[in-house]
Amino acid sequence: METTPVSYNTAITGSNKKLVNKDDFLKILVTQLKYQNPLDPQKPEEFLTQLSQMTQVEQLQNITSSLENIKKSMEQSNISQWISAVNKKMLVDDTVMSKGDELYLKPGGDFDEIQLTKKSLSTGQTETITIKKGEPLVYTHEGDDPVMISVSAKKDNKLVECRSLLYRVISGVNIEQEKPILVAVNGDTYSLEKVKEIK
C-alpha cells in the first residue's frame, strides 16, 4: 500500500489554516507511543527530545498570549490618553476657524496694524478686524459659524510679512485602524501627522 507523506506546509495551507496547539501535540505524542513497534521501541533520547519540543511549544504559546495581552492594554491606554486631549487645542496648518479656536499673529517685523479678514463658510459674508500695534496679537473666534481667515500686516501703508498660528479646539477623537483622528468643533478631522502641537 502506497502512502503520501503530508508536509507541514500542506497541513496548514488548507481552508482551516489551523496550527497544531499543545493539546494536539500531546495527543500525537501519546498516539505515537501507543503504536510504536515493540521490537524497535523509541529511544529514550528521542522521547525526551519530543517532550522538550512540547515544552517549547507551550512556552511559545504562553509568550504569544502574554504579548497579545500587553498589546491590548497598550491600545486601551493609548485610547484613554487621546480621550484626555478633548477640549485642549491643537496647532494645525489650516485657514478655517470654528468656535473657541485661537489665532496667534506673528508679524515679521515692525507694523502699524494687522488686518484679519473672516469669511463665513455658510453665508459668504466677510468681516475685517483691525488689530493695532500694542494690542494683543491673538484672536479667538466666538461665533457659531465657521469662518475662513486671511491675515495681512501693514507698516506705513505697505504690506509686511505676518505669519499666523492656528490652534483649534479638539471636540472629539476617532480611532481609525488603531490610529487616533482628532476632530475640531465644526467636524474637520486631523490625523496625527497634521497636528504640530497640543496644548
N, C-alpha and C. Protein backbone atom coordinates (compact mmCIF):
# COMPACT_ATOMS: atom_id res chain seq x y z
N MET A 1 0.84 -1.18 0.00
CA MET A 1 0.00 0.00 0.00
C MET A 1 0.88 1.24 0.00
N GLU A 2 0.57 2.18 -0.91
CA GLU A 2 1.39 3.38 -1.04
C GLU A 2 0.80 4.49 -0.18
N THR A 3 1.65 5.21 0.51
CA THR A 3 1.18 6.34 1.32
C THR A 3 1.78 7.63 0.79
N THR A 4 1.04 8.71 0.93
CA THR A 4 1.54 10.01 0.50
C THR A 4 1.92 10.81 1.72
N PRO A 5 3.19 11.19 1.84
CA PRO A 5 3.59 11.99 3.00
C PRO A 5 2.93 13.36 2.96
N VAL A 6 2.57 13.86 4.10
CA VAL A 6 1.97 15.19 4.21
C VAL A 6 3.01 16.11 4.81
N SER A 7 3.36 17.13 4.09
CA SER A 7 4.36 18.08 4.61
C SER A 7 3.69 19.08 5.55
N TYR A 8 4.49 19.76 6.33
CA TYR A 8 3.97 20.75 7.28
C TYR A 8 3.23 21.86 6.55
N ASN A 9 3.80 22.32 5.44
CA ASN A 9 3.18 23.41 4.69
C ASN A 9 1.81 23.01 4.15
N THR A 10 1.71 21.77 3.65
CA THR A 10 0.44 21.29 3.12
C THR A 10 -0.60 21.24 4.23
N ALA A 11 -0.17 20.89 5.43
CA ALA A 11 -1.11 20.74 6.54
C ALA A 11 -1.73 22.07 6.94
N ILE A 12 -0.99 23.16 6.79
CA ILE A 12 -1.54 24.44 7.28
C ILE A 12 -2.07 25.33 6.17
N THR A 13 -1.97 24.90 4.92
CA THR A 13 -2.45 25.76 3.85
C THR A 13 -3.85 25.41 3.39
N GLY A 14 -4.52 24.53 4.10
CA GLY A 14 -5.89 24.18 3.77
C GLY A 14 -6.82 25.32 4.12
N SER A 15 -8.12 25.07 3.97
CA SER A 15 -9.09 26.15 4.20
C SER A 15 -9.16 26.56 5.66
N ASN A 16 -8.89 25.64 6.60
CA ASN A 16 -8.99 25.99 8.02
C ASN A 16 -7.75 26.73 8.52
N LYS A 17 -6.58 26.39 7.99
CA LYS A 17 -5.32 27.00 8.39
C LYS A 17 -5.13 26.98 9.90
N LYS A 18 -5.48 25.89 10.54
CA LYS A 18 -5.38 25.77 12.00
C LYS A 18 -4.03 25.17 12.35
N LEU A 19 -3.27 25.86 13.19
CA LEU A 19 -1.97 25.36 13.62
C LEU A 19 -2.15 24.36 14.76
N VAL A 20 -1.18 23.49 14.92
CA VAL A 20 -1.22 22.49 15.99
C VAL A 20 -0.94 23.19 17.32
N ASN A 21 -1.83 22.97 18.31
CA ASN A 21 -1.58 23.55 19.62
C ASN A 21 -0.96 22.50 20.54
N LYS A 22 -0.72 22.86 21.81
CA LYS A 22 -0.02 21.94 22.71
C LYS A 22 -0.84 20.68 23.00
N ASP A 23 -2.17 20.78 23.05
CA ASP A 23 -3.01 19.60 23.29
C ASP A 23 -2.92 18.63 22.11
N ASP A 24 -2.96 19.20 20.89
CA ASP A 24 -2.82 18.35 19.70
C ASP A 24 -1.46 17.66 19.70
N PHE A 25 -0.43 18.41 20.06
CA PHE A 25 0.93 17.85 20.08
C PHE A 25 1.01 16.68 21.06
N LEU A 26 0.38 16.84 22.24
CA LEU A 26 0.40 15.78 23.25
C LEU A 26 -0.35 14.54 22.75
N LYS A 27 -1.48 14.74 22.06
CA LYS A 27 -2.25 13.61 21.52
C LYS A 27 -1.42 12.84 20.48
N ILE A 28 -0.72 13.59 19.63
CA ILE A 28 0.14 12.94 18.62
C ILE A 28 1.23 12.13 19.30
N LEU A 29 1.82 12.71 20.35
CA LEU A 29 2.90 12.02 21.07
C LEU A 29 2.40 10.73 21.74
N VAL A 30 1.24 10.81 22.38
CA VAL A 30 0.68 9.62 23.05
C VAL A 30 0.33 8.55 22.02
N THR A 31 -0.25 8.96 20.89
CA THR A 31 -0.59 8.01 19.83
C THR A 31 0.67 7.35 19.28
N GLN A 32 1.70 8.14 19.12
CA GLN A 32 2.96 7.59 18.62
C GLN A 32 3.53 6.54 19.58
N LEU A 33 3.47 6.84 20.88
CA LEU A 33 3.96 5.87 21.87
C LEU A 33 3.09 4.60 21.88
N LYS A 34 1.80 4.79 21.74
CA LYS A 34 0.87 3.67 21.79
C LYS A 34 1.09 2.70 20.63
N TYR A 35 1.39 3.23 19.46
CA TYR A 35 1.51 2.40 18.27
C TYR A 35 2.96 2.18 17.80
N GLN A 36 3.90 2.42 18.69
CA GLN A 36 5.30 2.19 18.28
C GLN A 36 5.59 0.69 18.16
N ASN A 37 6.56 0.38 17.38
CA ASN A 37 6.95 -1.01 17.13
C ASN A 37 7.60 -1.58 18.40
N PRO A 38 7.01 -2.64 19.01
CA PRO A 38 7.58 -3.19 20.25
C PRO A 38 8.97 -3.79 20.03
N LEU A 39 9.28 -4.24 18.78
CA LEU A 39 10.59 -4.81 18.51
C LEU A 39 11.66 -3.74 18.31
N ASP A 40 11.18 -2.54 18.00
CA ASP A 40 12.11 -1.43 17.79
C ASP A 40 11.53 -0.18 18.48
N PRO A 41 11.49 -0.17 19.82
CA PRO A 41 10.85 0.97 20.53
C PRO A 41 11.65 2.26 20.36
N GLN A 42 10.97 3.31 20.66
CA GLN A 42 11.60 4.63 20.56
C GLN A 42 12.69 4.76 21.61
N LYS A 43 13.80 5.36 21.19
CA LYS A 43 14.92 5.54 22.12
C LYS A 43 14.55 6.62 23.13
N PRO A 44 15.05 6.49 24.38
CA PRO A 44 14.73 7.49 25.41
C PRO A 44 15.14 8.90 25.02
N GLU A 45 16.25 9.03 24.28
CA GLU A 45 16.70 10.37 23.88
C GLU A 45 15.68 11.04 22.95
N GLU A 46 15.11 10.22 22.04
CA GLU A 46 14.12 10.77 21.11
C GLU A 46 12.86 11.19 21.86
N PHE A 47 12.47 10.35 22.83
CA PHE A 47 11.28 10.67 23.63
C PHE A 47 11.50 11.98 24.40
N LEU A 48 12.68 12.13 25.00
CA LEU A 48 12.98 13.36 25.75
C LEU A 48 13.03 14.58 24.83
N THR A 49 13.55 14.38 23.61
CA THR A 49 13.58 15.47 22.64
C THR A 49 12.17 15.94 22.31
N GLN A 50 11.26 14.97 22.11
CA GLN A 50 9.88 15.34 21.81
C GLN A 50 9.20 16.04 22.99
N LEU A 51 9.48 15.55 24.20
CA LEU A 51 8.92 16.23 25.39
C LEU A 51 9.45 17.65 25.50
N SER A 52 10.74 17.80 25.20
CA SER A 52 11.35 19.13 25.23
C SER A 52 10.70 20.04 24.20
N GLN A 53 10.42 19.51 23.02
CA GLN A 53 9.75 20.29 21.97
C GLN A 53 8.35 20.70 22.42
N MET A 54 7.65 19.78 23.08
CA MET A 54 6.31 20.10 23.57
C MET A 54 6.37 21.25 24.58
N THR A 55 7.37 21.21 25.46
CA THR A 55 7.53 22.28 26.45
C THR A 55 7.82 23.61 25.76
N GLN A 56 8.64 23.57 24.72
CA GLN A 56 8.95 24.80 23.99
C GLN A 56 7.71 25.36 23.30
N VAL A 57 6.90 24.47 22.72
CA VAL A 57 5.66 24.91 22.08
C VAL A 57 4.75 25.59 23.10
N GLU A 58 4.62 24.98 24.28
CA GLU A 58 3.77 25.56 25.33
C GLU A 58 4.30 26.92 25.77
N GLN A 59 5.62 27.03 25.95
CA GLN A 59 6.21 28.31 26.36
C GLN A 59 5.99 29.39 25.30
N LEU A 60 6.15 29.01 24.03
CA LEU A 60 5.93 29.98 22.96
C LEU A 60 4.47 30.44 22.93
N GLN A 61 3.55 29.51 23.17
CA GLN A 61 2.13 29.90 23.20
C GLN A 61 1.85 30.83 24.37
N ASN A 62 2.47 30.55 25.51
CA ASN A 62 2.28 31.43 26.67
C ASN A 62 2.85 32.81 26.41
N ILE A 63 4.02 32.87 25.75
CA ILE A 63 4.63 34.17 25.42
C ILE A 63 3.73 34.94 24.46
N THR A 64 3.22 34.23 23.43
CA THR A 64 2.32 34.87 22.47
C THR A 64 1.08 35.43 23.16
N SER A 65 0.51 34.65 24.07
CA SER A 65 -0.67 35.10 24.81
C SER A 65 -0.34 36.34 25.65
N SER A 66 0.82 36.33 26.30
CA SER A 66 1.22 37.49 27.12
C SER A 66 1.41 38.73 26.26
N LEU A 67 2.03 38.55 25.09
CA LEU A 67 2.25 39.70 24.19
C LEU A 67 0.92 40.27 23.70
N GLU A 68 -0.04 39.39 23.42
CA GLU A 68 -1.37 39.86 22.99
C GLU A 68 -2.04 40.68 24.10
N ASN A 69 -1.92 40.20 25.36
CA ASN A 69 -2.49 40.95 26.49
C ASN A 69 -1.83 42.30 26.66
N ILE A 70 -0.50 42.35 26.49
CA ILE A 70 0.22 43.62 26.60
C ILE A 70 -0.23 44.58 25.51
N LYS A 71 -0.37 44.05 24.29
CA LYS A 71 -0.81 44.88 23.16
C LYS A 71 -2.19 45.47 23.43
N LYS A 72 -3.12 44.64 23.92
CA LYS A 72 -4.48 45.13 24.21
C LYS A 72 -4.46 46.22 25.27
N SER A 73 -3.70 46.01 26.34
CA SER A 73 -3.66 47.02 27.40
C SER A 73 -3.02 48.31 26.92
N MET A 74 -2.02 48.20 26.02
CA MET A 74 -1.39 49.41 25.48
C MET A 74 -2.36 50.17 24.59
N GLU A 75 -3.14 49.44 23.80
CA GLU A 75 -4.13 50.09 22.93
C GLU A 75 -5.17 50.82 23.77
N GLN A 76 -5.64 50.17 24.85
CA GLN A 76 -6.65 50.81 25.70
C GLN A 76 -6.08 52.05 26.37
N SER A 77 -4.81 51.97 26.84
CA SER A 77 -4.22 53.13 27.49
C SER A 77 -3.97 54.24 26.48
N ASN A 78 -3.64 53.88 25.21
CA ASN A 78 -3.43 54.86 24.16
C ASN A 78 -4.74 55.60 23.87
N ILE A 79 -5.86 54.87 23.81
CA ILE A 79 -7.16 55.49 23.58
C ILE A 79 -7.50 56.44 24.72
N SER A 80 -7.25 56.02 25.97
CA SER A 80 -7.52 56.88 27.13
C SER A 80 -6.70 58.16 27.06
N GLN A 81 -5.45 58.02 26.65
CA GLN A 81 -4.58 59.19 26.54
C GLN A 81 -5.17 60.20 25.56
N TRP A 82 -5.67 59.72 24.41
CA TRP A 82 -6.19 60.65 23.41
C TRP A 82 -7.55 61.22 23.82
N ILE A 83 -8.34 60.44 24.57
CA ILE A 83 -9.62 60.98 25.04
C ILE A 83 -9.37 62.16 25.99
N SER A 84 -8.26 62.11 26.74
CA SER A 84 -7.94 63.21 27.65
C SER A 84 -7.55 64.48 26.88
N ALA A 85 -7.32 64.39 25.56
CA ALA A 85 -6.98 65.57 24.75
C ALA A 85 -8.21 66.39 24.38
N VAL A 86 -9.41 65.84 24.59
CA VAL A 86 -10.64 66.57 24.26
C VAL A 86 -10.70 67.86 25.08
N ASN A 87 -11.09 68.94 24.41
CA ASN A 87 -11.18 70.31 24.93
C ASN A 87 -9.82 71.01 25.01
N LYS A 88 -8.74 70.32 24.66
CA LYS A 88 -7.45 71.00 24.52
C LYS A 88 -7.40 71.58 23.10
N LYS A 89 -6.29 72.24 22.78
CA LYS A 89 -6.17 72.86 21.46
C LYS A 89 -4.98 72.29 20.71
N MET A 90 -5.19 72.11 19.39
CA MET A 90 -4.14 71.53 18.54
C MET A 90 -3.68 72.57 17.52
N LEU A 91 -2.38 72.64 17.34
CA LEU A 91 -1.80 73.54 16.33
C LEU A 91 -1.82 72.83 14.99
N VAL A 92 -2.53 73.42 14.01
CA VAL A 92 -2.65 72.82 12.69
C VAL A 92 -2.41 73.88 11.62
N ASP A 93 -2.03 73.43 10.45
CA ASP A 93 -1.83 74.32 9.32
C ASP A 93 -3.14 74.38 8.55
N ASP A 94 -3.97 75.38 8.86
CA ASP A 94 -5.30 75.47 8.26
C ASP A 94 -5.72 76.94 8.22
N THR A 95 -6.81 77.23 7.53
CA THR A 95 -7.33 78.60 7.46
C THR A 95 -8.79 78.66 7.91
N VAL A 96 -9.32 77.56 8.46
CA VAL A 96 -10.71 77.53 8.92
C VAL A 96 -10.72 77.59 10.45
N MET A 97 -11.59 78.47 10.98
CA MET A 97 -11.76 78.58 12.43
C MET A 97 -13.20 78.29 12.81
N SER A 98 -13.37 77.55 13.90
CA SER A 98 -14.70 77.36 14.47
C SER A 98 -14.69 77.88 15.90
N LYS A 99 -15.81 77.79 16.57
CA LYS A 99 -15.98 78.41 17.89
C LYS A 99 -14.90 77.94 18.87
N GLY A 100 -14.24 78.94 19.52
CA GLY A 100 -13.23 78.64 20.52
C GLY A 100 -11.81 78.55 19.98
N ASP A 101 -11.65 78.47 18.66
CA ASP A 101 -10.31 78.38 18.07
C ASP A 101 -9.55 79.70 18.28
N GLU A 102 -8.22 79.59 18.42
CA GLU A 102 -7.38 80.77 18.65
C GLU A 102 -6.38 80.93 17.51
N LEU A 103 -6.20 82.20 17.09
CA LEU A 103 -5.23 82.52 16.05
C LEU A 103 -4.19 83.46 16.65
N TYR A 104 -2.92 83.03 16.66
CA TYR A 104 -1.82 83.85 17.16
C TYR A 104 -1.12 84.50 15.97
N LEU A 105 -0.97 85.81 16.02
CA LEU A 105 -0.41 86.58 14.92
C LEU A 105 1.07 86.86 15.17
N LYS A 106 1.89 86.65 14.15
CA LYS A 106 3.35 86.79 14.27
C LYS A 106 3.88 87.66 13.14
N PRO A 107 3.86 89.00 13.33
CA PRO A 107 4.42 89.87 12.28
C PRO A 107 5.93 89.66 12.17
N GLY A 108 6.44 89.78 10.93
CA GLY A 108 7.86 89.55 10.68
C GLY A 108 8.76 90.69 11.12
N GLY A 109 8.19 91.80 11.46
CA GLY A 109 8.97 92.97 11.89
C GLY A 109 8.03 94.04 12.44
N ASP A 110 8.45 95.28 12.34
CA ASP A 110 7.62 96.39 12.83
C ASP A 110 6.37 96.51 11.97
N PHE A 111 5.26 96.94 12.60
CA PHE A 111 4.00 97.07 11.86
C PHE A 111 3.15 98.14 12.53
N ASP A 112 2.20 98.68 11.77
CA ASP A 112 1.23 99.64 12.31
C ASP A 112 -0.07 98.94 12.68
N GLU A 113 -0.49 98.02 11.80
CA GLU A 113 -1.75 97.30 12.05
C GLU A 113 -1.74 95.96 11.33
N ILE A 114 -2.57 95.05 11.84
CA ILE A 114 -2.79 93.74 11.20
C ILE A 114 -4.28 93.65 10.88
N GLN A 115 -4.56 93.24 9.66
CA GLN A 115 -5.96 93.06 9.27
C GLN A 115 -6.26 91.57 9.17
N LEU A 116 -7.29 91.18 9.90
CA LEU A 116 -7.75 89.80 9.91
C LEU A 116 -9.10 89.77 9.20
N THR A 117 -9.17 89.08 8.07
CA THR A 117 -10.42 89.01 7.30
C THR A 117 -11.04 87.64 7.52
N LYS A 118 -12.33 87.66 7.93
CA LYS A 118 -13.09 86.42 8.16
C LYS A 118 -14.19 86.31 7.11
N LYS A 119 -14.29 85.11 6.50
CA LYS A 119 -15.36 84.87 5.54
C LYS A 119 -16.20 83.71 6.03
N SER A 120 -17.50 83.96 6.24
CA SER A 120 -18.42 82.93 6.74
C SER A 120 -18.53 81.79 5.72
N LEU A 121 -18.38 80.55 6.20
CA LEU A 121 -18.49 79.41 5.30
C LEU A 121 -19.94 79.10 4.92
N SER A 122 -20.90 79.61 5.70
CA SER A 122 -22.31 79.32 5.38
C SER A 122 -22.96 80.43 4.56
N THR A 123 -22.62 81.69 4.84
CA THR A 123 -23.28 82.80 4.13
C THR A 123 -22.38 83.48 3.10
N GLY A 124 -21.06 83.34 3.25
CA GLY A 124 -20.14 84.01 2.32
C GLY A 124 -19.83 85.44 2.71
N GLN A 125 -20.48 85.96 3.76
CA GLN A 125 -20.22 87.35 4.19
C GLN A 125 -18.81 87.47 4.77
N THR A 126 -18.21 88.64 4.54
CA THR A 126 -16.86 88.88 5.06
C THR A 126 -16.89 89.98 6.11
N GLU A 127 -15.93 89.89 7.02
CA GLU A 127 -15.77 90.90 8.07
C GLU A 127 -14.27 91.07 8.30
N THR A 128 -13.84 92.32 8.44
CA THR A 128 -12.42 92.58 8.68
C THR A 128 -12.23 93.16 10.08
N ILE A 129 -11.29 92.60 10.80
CA ILE A 129 -10.95 93.07 12.14
C ILE A 129 -9.55 93.68 12.06
N THR A 130 -9.40 94.91 12.58
CA THR A 130 -8.10 95.57 12.56
C THR A 130 -7.50 95.53 13.96
N ILE A 131 -6.27 95.06 14.01
CA ILE A 131 -5.54 94.98 15.29
C ILE A 131 -4.37 95.96 15.22
N LYS A 132 -4.39 96.96 16.09
CA LYS A 132 -3.35 98.00 16.08
C LYS A 132 -2.12 97.53 16.87
N LYS A 133 -1.01 98.15 16.57
CA LYS A 133 0.23 97.86 17.30
C LYS A 133 0.01 98.16 18.78
N GLY A 134 0.43 97.24 19.63
CA GLY A 134 0.24 97.39 21.07
C GLY A 134 -0.94 96.59 21.59
N GLU A 135 -1.87 96.19 20.72
CA GLU A 135 -3.00 95.35 21.13
C GLU A 135 -2.57 93.88 21.14
N PRO A 136 -3.30 93.04 21.90
CA PRO A 136 -2.94 91.61 21.93
C PRO A 136 -2.96 91.00 20.53
N LEU A 137 -1.94 90.20 20.23
CA LEU A 137 -1.81 89.59 18.90
C LEU A 137 -2.41 88.18 18.88
N VAL A 138 -3.61 88.08 19.44
CA VAL A 138 -4.32 86.81 19.43
C VAL A 138 -5.80 87.10 19.20
N TYR A 139 -6.41 86.27 18.36
CA TYR A 139 -7.84 86.40 18.08
C TYR A 139 -8.50 85.06 18.39
N THR A 140 -9.60 85.11 19.19
CA THR A 140 -10.39 83.92 19.49
C THR A 140 -11.73 84.04 18.79
N HIS A 141 -12.08 83.04 18.00
CA HIS A 141 -13.35 83.07 17.27
C HIS A 141 -14.48 82.65 18.22
N GLU A 142 -15.45 83.53 18.37
CA GLU A 142 -16.56 83.28 19.30
C GLU A 142 -17.86 82.92 18.58
N GLY A 143 -17.90 83.10 17.28
CA GLY A 143 -19.14 82.82 16.54
C GLY A 143 -19.39 81.34 16.37
N ASP A 144 -20.67 80.98 16.19
CA ASP A 144 -21.04 79.58 15.98
C ASP A 144 -20.75 79.13 14.54
N ASP A 145 -20.70 80.09 13.62
CA ASP A 145 -20.49 79.79 12.21
C ASP A 145 -18.99 79.70 11.91
N PRO A 146 -18.51 78.59 11.35
CA PRO A 146 -17.09 78.50 10.98
C PRO A 146 -16.74 79.54 9.91
N VAL A 147 -15.53 80.05 9.98
CA VAL A 147 -15.07 81.08 9.04
C VAL A 147 -13.73 80.69 8.45
N MET A 148 -13.47 81.22 7.24
CA MET A 148 -12.16 81.10 6.62
C MET A 148 -11.44 82.42 6.89
N ILE A 149 -10.17 82.35 7.27
CA ILE A 149 -9.46 83.56 7.67
C ILE A 149 -8.25 83.81 6.77
N SER A 150 -7.93 85.09 6.62
CA SER A 150 -6.69 85.51 5.96
C SER A 150 -6.13 86.68 6.75
N VAL A 151 -4.81 86.83 6.73
CA VAL A 151 -4.14 87.83 7.56
C VAL A 151 -3.16 88.63 6.71
N SER A 152 -3.12 89.95 6.97
CA SER A 152 -2.10 90.80 6.34
C SER A 152 -1.70 91.88 7.33
N ALA A 153 -0.45 92.32 7.25
CA ALA A 153 0.05 93.37 8.14
C ALA A 153 0.60 94.52 7.30
N LYS A 154 0.52 95.73 7.86
CA LYS A 154 0.99 96.92 7.14
C LYS A 154 1.88 97.77 8.03
N LYS A 155 2.87 98.40 7.38
CA LYS A 155 3.72 99.41 8.02
C LYS A 155 3.84 100.54 7.01
N ASP A 156 3.40 101.76 7.42
CA ASP A 156 3.38 102.92 6.52
C ASP A 156 2.64 102.60 5.22
N ASN A 157 1.49 101.94 5.36
CA ASN A 157 0.62 101.55 4.24
C ASN A 157 1.27 100.59 3.25
N LYS A 158 2.35 99.93 3.67
CA LYS A 158 2.98 98.91 2.83
C LYS A 158 2.85 97.56 3.54
N LEU A 159 2.60 96.52 2.74
CA LEU A 159 2.45 95.18 3.31
C LEU A 159 3.78 94.69 3.89
N VAL A 160 3.68 94.10 5.06
CA VAL A 160 4.84 93.44 5.68
C VAL A 160 4.46 92.00 6.01
N GLU A 161 5.48 91.18 6.19
CA GLU A 161 5.23 89.76 6.45
C GLU A 161 4.49 89.57 7.78
N CYS A 162 3.54 88.65 7.78
CA CYS A 162 2.82 88.30 9.02
C CYS A 162 2.40 86.83 8.94
N ARG A 163 2.93 86.04 9.87
CA ARG A 163 2.53 84.63 9.94
C ARG A 163 1.42 84.49 10.98
N SER A 164 0.77 83.36 10.98
CA SER A 164 -0.25 83.08 12.00
C SER A 164 -0.17 81.62 12.41
N LEU A 165 -0.47 81.37 13.68
CA LEU A 165 -0.52 80.02 14.22
C LEU A 165 -1.96 79.76 14.66
N LEU A 166 -2.55 78.70 14.10
CA LEU A 166 -3.95 78.41 14.39
C LEU A 166 -4.06 77.22 15.34
N TYR A 167 -4.66 77.47 16.50
CA TYR A 167 -4.92 76.42 17.49
C TYR A 167 -6.42 76.14 17.48
N ARG A 168 -6.79 74.92 17.10
CA ARG A 168 -8.19 74.54 17.03
C ARG A 168 -8.58 73.69 18.23
N VAL A 169 -9.80 73.88 18.71
CA VAL A 169 -10.31 73.12 19.84
C VAL A 169 -10.55 71.68 19.40
N ILE A 170 -10.09 70.73 20.22
CA ILE A 170 -10.33 69.31 19.97
C ILE A 170 -11.67 68.95 20.61
N SER A 171 -12.67 68.63 19.79
CA SER A 171 -14.00 68.32 20.33
C SER A 171 -14.24 66.82 20.43
N GLY A 172 -13.38 66.02 19.81
CA GLY A 172 -13.56 64.58 19.87
C GLY A 172 -12.37 63.84 19.28
N VAL A 173 -12.38 62.52 19.48
CA VAL A 173 -11.31 61.66 18.96
C VAL A 173 -11.95 60.44 18.32
N ASN A 174 -11.58 60.17 17.07
CA ASN A 174 -12.00 58.94 16.39
C ASN A 174 -10.80 58.02 16.30
N ILE A 175 -11.01 56.72 16.49
CA ILE A 175 -9.93 55.75 16.33
C ILE A 175 -10.20 55.00 15.03
N GLU A 176 -9.31 55.18 14.05
CA GLU A 176 -9.44 54.51 12.76
C GLU A 176 -8.18 53.69 12.52
N GLN A 177 -8.36 52.39 12.33
CA GLN A 177 -7.24 51.46 12.12
C GLN A 177 -6.19 51.64 13.22
N GLU A 178 -6.68 51.70 14.46
CA GLU A 178 -5.85 51.81 15.66
C GLU A 178 -5.06 53.12 15.73
N LYS A 179 -5.44 54.12 14.91
CA LYS A 179 -4.77 55.42 14.95
C LYS A 179 -5.79 56.49 15.31
N PRO A 180 -5.42 57.41 16.22
CA PRO A 180 -6.37 58.46 16.60
C PRO A 180 -6.49 59.53 15.52
N ILE A 181 -7.72 59.99 15.30
CA ILE A 181 -8.02 61.11 14.41
C ILE A 181 -8.69 62.17 15.28
N LEU A 182 -8.11 63.38 15.33
CA LEU A 182 -8.64 64.45 16.18
C LEU A 182 -9.69 65.24 15.41
N VAL A 183 -10.78 65.58 16.10
CA VAL A 183 -11.93 66.23 15.47
C VAL A 183 -12.08 67.64 16.03
N ALA A 184 -12.21 68.63 15.12
CA ALA A 184 -12.44 70.02 15.52
C ALA A 184 -13.93 70.23 15.78
N VAL A 185 -14.28 71.41 16.31
CA VAL A 185 -15.66 71.71 16.69
C VAL A 185 -16.61 71.61 15.49
N ASN A 186 -16.16 72.05 14.31
CA ASN A 186 -17.04 72.02 13.13
C ASN A 186 -17.02 70.67 12.41
N GLY A 187 -16.30 69.67 12.95
CA GLY A 187 -16.27 68.34 12.36
C GLY A 187 -15.06 68.05 11.49
N ASP A 188 -14.21 69.07 11.23
CA ASP A 188 -12.98 68.82 10.47
C ASP A 188 -12.12 67.82 11.24
N THR A 189 -11.45 66.93 10.51
CA THR A 189 -10.63 65.90 11.16
C THR A 189 -9.16 66.06 10.78
N TYR A 190 -8.28 65.68 11.73
CA TYR A 190 -6.84 65.80 11.53
C TYR A 190 -6.15 64.53 12.01
N SER A 191 -5.38 63.92 11.11
CA SER A 191 -4.54 62.79 11.54
C SER A 191 -3.38 63.36 12.34
N LEU A 192 -2.71 62.52 13.10
CA LEU A 192 -1.63 62.99 13.97
C LEU A 192 -0.49 63.63 13.18
N GLU A 193 -0.29 63.21 11.92
CA GLU A 193 0.77 63.79 11.12
C GLU A 193 0.52 65.28 10.84
N LYS A 194 -0.75 65.70 10.90
CA LYS A 194 -1.08 67.10 10.60
C LYS A 194 -1.11 67.98 11.85
N VAL A 195 -0.97 67.36 13.02
CA VAL A 195 -1.01 68.12 14.28
C VAL A 195 0.42 68.39 14.74
N LYS A 196 0.76 69.69 14.89
CA LYS A 196 2.12 70.06 15.25
C LYS A 196 2.33 70.15 16.77
N GLU A 197 1.25 70.43 17.50
CA GLU A 197 1.35 70.61 18.96
C GLU A 197 -0.04 70.50 19.56
N ILE A 198 -0.10 70.07 20.81
CA ILE A 198 -1.36 70.07 21.57
C ILE A 198 -1.09 70.79 22.88
N LYS A 199 -1.97 71.73 23.23
CA LYS A 199 -1.78 72.46 24.49
C LYS A 199 -3.09 72.56 25.25
